[in-house]
Amino acid sequence: MTQQELYNSFIDFIEKGDEDGARAFLVEHLNEFPEEMKKEIAFAFFVDAVKKEAAVSEIQKKGLEIMKEFDEVESMLADASAAASLREQI
């Protein structure tokens, strides 16, 4: 493929909103791009991966915070239940 054909094919995916197709196209045809463009594509993939990893880490962090809060509420409910049982016994 010529550089113009590569560009046109890539733009077709973009115009269709097919991000997965565009990504697959770039991976499949990476070696057909000029060296400088290969570096830019690789850097873009790297940045995207880092952003996704950061998002996953944030979700995990929020999940741990929610679990901690749940444990605290569960403990409070257990304490309240124990206090209610003691009151009933008295």
N, C-alpha and C. Protein backbone atom coordinates (compact mmCIF):
# COMPACT_ATOMS: atom_id res chain seq x y z
N MET A 1 0.85 -1.19 0.00
CA MET A 1 0.00 0.00 0.00
C MET A 1 0.88 1.24 0.00
N THR A 2 0.43 2.22 -0.73
CA THR A 2 1.14 3.49 -0.69
C THR A 2 0.75 4.23 0.60
N GLN A 3 1.52 5.25 0.91
CA GLN A 3 1.20 6.03 2.12
C GLN A 3 -0.19 6.65 2.01
N GLN A 4 -0.56 7.08 0.82
CA GLN A 4 -1.89 7.67 0.64
C GLN A 4 -2.97 6.62 0.84
N GLU A 5 -2.75 5.40 0.36
CA GLU A 5 -3.73 4.32 0.55
C GLU A 5 -3.84 3.95 2.03
N LEU A 6 -2.70 3.91 2.72
CA LEU A 6 -2.72 3.65 4.16
C LEU A 6 -3.55 4.71 4.88
N TYR A 7 -3.28 5.96 4.54
CA TYR A 7 -3.99 7.07 5.16
C TYR A 7 -5.49 6.97 4.88
N ASN A 8 -5.85 6.73 3.62
CA ASN A 8 -7.27 6.66 3.24
C ASN A 8 -7.97 5.51 3.95
N SER A 9 -7.31 4.36 4.03
CA SER A 9 -7.91 3.21 4.70
C SER A 9 -8.11 3.50 6.19
N PHE A 10 -7.12 4.10 6.79
CA PHE A 10 -7.21 4.46 8.21
C PHE A 10 -8.36 5.44 8.44
N ILE A 11 -8.44 6.45 7.60
CA ILE A 11 -9.50 7.47 7.73
C ILE A 11 -10.87 6.84 7.55
N ASP A 12 -11.00 5.83 6.69
CA ASP A 12 -12.29 5.14 6.53
C ASP A 12 -12.76 4.57 7.86
N PHE A 13 -11.84 3.95 8.61
CA PHE A 13 -12.21 3.40 9.92
C PHE A 13 -12.63 4.52 10.88
N ILE A 14 -11.88 5.61 10.86
CA ILE A 14 -12.17 6.74 11.75
C ILE A 14 -13.54 7.34 11.43
N GLU A 15 -13.81 7.54 10.15
CA GLU A 15 -15.09 8.13 9.75
C GLU A 15 -16.28 7.25 10.12
N LYS A 16 -16.06 5.94 10.12
CA LYS A 16 -17.12 5.00 10.51
C LYS A 16 -17.25 4.89 12.02
N GLY A 17 -16.30 5.48 12.74
CA GLY A 17 -16.32 5.39 14.21
C GLY A 17 -15.87 4.02 14.69
N ASP A 18 -15.14 3.29 13.87
CA ASP A 18 -14.70 1.94 14.19
C ASP A 18 -13.30 1.98 14.82
N GLU A 19 -13.26 2.26 16.11
CA GLU A 19 -11.98 2.38 16.81
C GLU A 19 -11.22 1.06 16.83
N ASP A 20 -11.93 -0.03 17.05
CA ASP A 20 -11.29 -1.34 17.07
C ASP A 20 -10.70 -1.68 15.70
N GLY A 21 -11.46 -1.38 14.67
CA GLY A 21 -10.97 -1.62 13.31
C GLY A 21 -9.76 -0.77 12.99
N ALA A 22 -9.77 0.49 13.42
CA ALA A 22 -8.64 1.38 13.19
C ALA A 22 -7.40 0.86 13.91
N ARG A 23 -7.59 0.42 15.15
CA ARG A 23 -6.47 -0.12 15.92
C ARG A 23 -5.90 -1.36 15.24
N ALA A 24 -6.80 -2.27 14.83
CA ALA A 24 -6.35 -3.50 14.16
C ALA A 24 -5.64 -3.17 12.85
N PHE A 25 -6.14 -2.19 12.12
CA PHE A 25 -5.51 -1.78 10.87
C PHE A 25 -4.09 -1.27 11.13
N LEU A 26 -3.94 -0.43 12.14
CA LEU A 26 -2.61 0.11 12.45
C LEU A 26 -1.64 -1.00 12.83
N VAL A 27 -2.10 -1.94 13.64
CA VAL A 27 -1.24 -3.05 14.05
C VAL A 27 -0.86 -3.90 12.84
N GLU A 28 -1.85 -4.20 12.01
CA GLU A 28 -1.62 -5.06 10.85
C GLU A 28 -0.67 -4.42 9.84
N HIS A 29 -0.73 -3.12 9.70
CA HIS A 29 0.05 -2.42 8.68
C HIS A 29 1.18 -1.57 9.26
N LEU A 30 1.52 -1.79 10.50
CA LEU A 30 2.51 -0.95 11.17
C LEU A 30 3.82 -0.86 10.38
N ASN A 31 4.31 -1.97 9.88
CA ASN A 31 5.60 -1.97 9.18
C ASN A 31 5.57 -1.25 7.84
N GLU A 32 4.39 -0.90 7.36
CA GLU A 32 4.29 -0.18 6.09
C GLU A 32 4.41 1.33 6.28
N PHE A 33 4.35 1.80 7.52
CA PHE A 33 4.45 3.22 7.79
C PHE A 33 5.92 3.64 7.88
N PRO A 34 6.20 4.92 7.63
CA PRO A 34 7.56 5.42 7.80
C PRO A 34 7.99 5.29 9.27
N GLU A 35 9.29 5.22 9.50
CA GLU A 35 9.83 5.01 10.85
C GLU A 35 9.30 6.01 11.87
N GLU A 36 9.26 7.27 11.52
CA GLU A 36 8.79 8.28 12.47
C GLU A 36 7.33 8.04 12.84
N MET A 37 6.54 7.66 11.85
CA MET A 37 5.12 7.38 12.10
C MET A 37 4.97 6.13 12.97
N LYS A 38 5.82 5.11 12.75
CA LYS A 38 5.79 3.91 13.58
C LYS A 38 6.01 4.27 15.04
N LYS A 39 6.96 5.18 15.29
CA LYS A 39 7.26 5.61 16.66
C LYS A 39 6.05 6.32 17.26
N GLU A 40 5.40 7.17 16.48
CA GLU A 40 4.22 7.90 16.97
C GLU A 40 3.07 6.94 17.26
N ILE A 41 2.87 5.95 16.40
CA ILE A 41 1.80 4.96 16.62
C ILE A 41 2.09 4.16 17.88
N ALA A 42 3.34 3.69 18.02
CA ALA A 42 3.72 2.92 19.20
C ALA A 42 3.54 3.75 20.47
N PHE A 43 3.91 5.02 20.42
CA PHE A 43 3.75 5.90 21.58
C PHE A 43 2.27 6.08 21.91
N ALA A 44 1.44 6.24 20.88
CA ALA A 44 -0.01 6.40 21.11
C ALA A 44 -0.59 5.15 21.76
N PHE A 45 -0.17 3.98 21.31
CA PHE A 45 -0.63 2.73 21.93
C PHE A 45 -0.16 2.64 23.38
N PHE A 46 1.07 3.05 23.62
CA PHE A 46 1.62 3.03 24.99
C PHE A 46 0.82 3.96 25.91
N VAL A 47 0.57 5.17 25.46
CA VAL A 47 -0.19 6.14 26.26
C VAL A 47 -1.60 5.60 26.53
N ASP A 48 -2.22 5.02 25.52
CA ASP A 48 -3.56 4.45 25.70
C ASP A 48 -3.54 3.34 26.74
N ALA A 49 -2.52 2.49 26.68
CA ALA A 49 -2.42 1.39 27.65
C ALA A 49 -2.22 1.92 29.06
N VAL A 50 -1.40 2.95 29.20
CA VAL A 50 -1.17 3.54 30.52
C VAL A 50 -2.45 4.15 31.07
N LYS A 51 -3.20 4.84 30.23
CA LYS A 51 -4.48 5.43 30.66
C LYS A 51 -5.46 4.35 31.10
N LYS A 52 -5.52 3.27 30.33
CA LYS A 52 -6.43 2.17 30.70
C LYS A 52 -6.01 1.54 32.01
N GLU A 53 -4.72 1.36 32.20
CA GLU A 53 -4.22 0.78 33.45
C GLU A 53 -4.53 1.70 34.63
N ALA A 54 -4.38 3.01 34.42
CA ALA A 54 -4.70 3.96 35.48
C ALA A 54 -6.18 3.90 35.82
N ALA A 55 -7.02 3.75 34.82
CA ALA A 55 -8.47 3.65 35.06
C ALA A 55 -8.79 2.38 35.84
N VAL A 56 -8.15 1.28 35.48
CA VAL A 56 -8.37 0.02 36.20
C VAL A 56 -7.92 0.17 37.65
N SER A 57 -6.77 0.80 37.85
CA SER A 57 -6.26 1.00 39.21
C SER A 57 -7.22 1.85 40.04
N GLU A 58 -7.77 2.87 39.42
CA GLU A 58 -8.72 3.74 40.12
C GLU A 58 -9.98 2.97 40.50
N ILE A 59 -10.45 2.14 39.59
CA ILE A 59 -11.63 1.32 39.88
C ILE A 59 -11.33 0.36 41.03
N GLN A 60 -10.16 -0.25 41.00
CA GLN A 60 -9.78 -1.16 42.08
C GLN A 60 -9.70 -0.42 43.41
N LYS A 61 -9.13 0.78 43.38
CA LYS A 61 -9.01 1.58 44.60
C LYS A 61 -10.41 1.90 45.15
N LYS A 62 -11.31 2.32 44.28
CA LYS A 62 -12.67 2.63 44.72
C LYS A 62 -13.35 1.37 45.27
N GLY A 63 -13.12 0.23 44.63
CA GLY A 63 -13.70 -1.02 45.10
C GLY A 63 -13.22 -1.36 46.50
N LEU A 64 -11.92 -1.16 46.75
CA LEU A 64 -11.38 -1.43 48.08
C LEU A 64 -11.97 -0.48 49.12
N GLU A 65 -12.15 0.78 48.74
CA GLU A 65 -12.75 1.75 49.66
C GLU A 65 -14.18 1.34 50.00
N ILE A 66 -14.93 0.90 49.00
CA ILE A 66 -16.32 0.48 49.23
C ILE A 66 -16.35 -0.76 50.12
N MET A 67 -15.43 -1.70 49.88
CA MET A 67 -15.39 -2.89 50.73
C MET A 67 -15.07 -2.54 52.18
N LYS A 68 -14.17 -1.58 52.37
CA LYS A 68 -13.83 -1.15 53.72
C LYS A 68 -15.05 -0.52 54.40
N GLU A 69 -15.76 0.34 53.67
CA GLU A 69 -16.96 0.96 54.21
C GLU A 69 -18.02 -0.09 54.52
N PHE A 70 -18.15 -1.08 53.65
CA PHE A 70 -19.11 -2.16 53.88
C PHE A 70 -18.75 -2.91 55.16
N ASP A 71 -17.47 -3.22 55.33
CA ASP A 71 -17.03 -3.91 56.55
C ASP A 71 -17.35 -3.09 57.80
N GLU A 72 -17.15 -1.77 57.73
CA GLU A 72 -17.45 -0.90 58.87
C GLU A 72 -18.95 -0.91 59.18
N VAL A 73 -19.76 -0.83 58.15
CA VAL A 73 -21.22 -0.84 58.35
C VAL A 73 -21.65 -2.20 58.90
N GLU A 74 -21.09 -3.25 58.37
CA GLU A 74 -21.41 -4.60 58.85
C GLU A 74 -21.06 -4.74 60.33
N SER A 75 -19.92 -4.20 60.71
CA SER A 75 -19.50 -4.24 62.11
C SER A 75 -20.45 -3.44 62.99
N MET A 76 -20.86 -2.26 62.50
CA MET A 76 -21.79 -1.43 63.25
C MET A 76 -23.13 -2.15 63.43
N LEU A 77 -23.60 -2.83 62.38
CA LEU A 77 -24.87 -3.56 62.47
C LEU A 77 -24.76 -4.73 63.45
N ALA A 78 -23.62 -5.40 63.44
CA ALA A 78 -23.42 -6.51 64.37
C ALA A 78 -23.41 -5.98 65.80
N ASP A 79 -22.75 -4.84 66.03
CA ASP A 79 -22.72 -4.24 67.37
C ASP A 79 -24.14 -3.84 67.81
N ALA A 80 -24.89 -3.24 66.89
CA ALA A 80 -26.26 -2.82 67.20
C ALA A 80 -27.14 -4.04 67.50
N SER A 81 -26.95 -5.10 66.76
CA SER A 81 -27.71 -6.31 66.99
C SER A 81 -27.38 -6.92 68.33
N ALA A 82 -26.09 -6.93 68.66
CA ALA A 82 -25.67 -7.46 69.96
C ALA A 82 -26.23 -6.62 71.10
N ALA A 83 -26.24 -5.30 70.94
CA ALA A 83 -26.79 -4.41 71.97
C ALA A 83 -28.29 -4.64 72.12
N ALA A 84 -28.99 -4.83 71.01
CA ALA A 84 -30.43 -5.09 71.06
C ALA A 84 -30.71 -6.43 71.76
N SER A 85 -29.90 -7.42 71.51
CA SER A 85 -30.08 -8.71 72.18
C SER A 85 -29.87 -8.59 73.66
N LEU A 86 -28.86 -7.80 74.08
CA LEU A 86 -28.60 -7.59 75.50
C LEU A 86 -29.77 -6.89 76.16
N ARG A 87 -30.34 -5.89 75.46
CA ARG A 87 -31.48 -5.15 76.02
C ARG A 87 -32.67 -6.07 76.21
N GLU A 88 -32.88 -6.97 75.26
CA GLU A 88 -34.00 -7.90 75.37
C GLU A 88 -33.82 -8.87 76.55
N GLN A 89 -32.60 -9.21 76.82
CA GLN A 89 -32.31 -10.15 77.91
C GLN A 89 -32.47 -9.50 79.27
N ILE A 90 -32.31 -8.18 79.30
CA ILE A 90 -32.39 -7.48 80.59
C ILE A 90 -33.80 -7.24 80.98
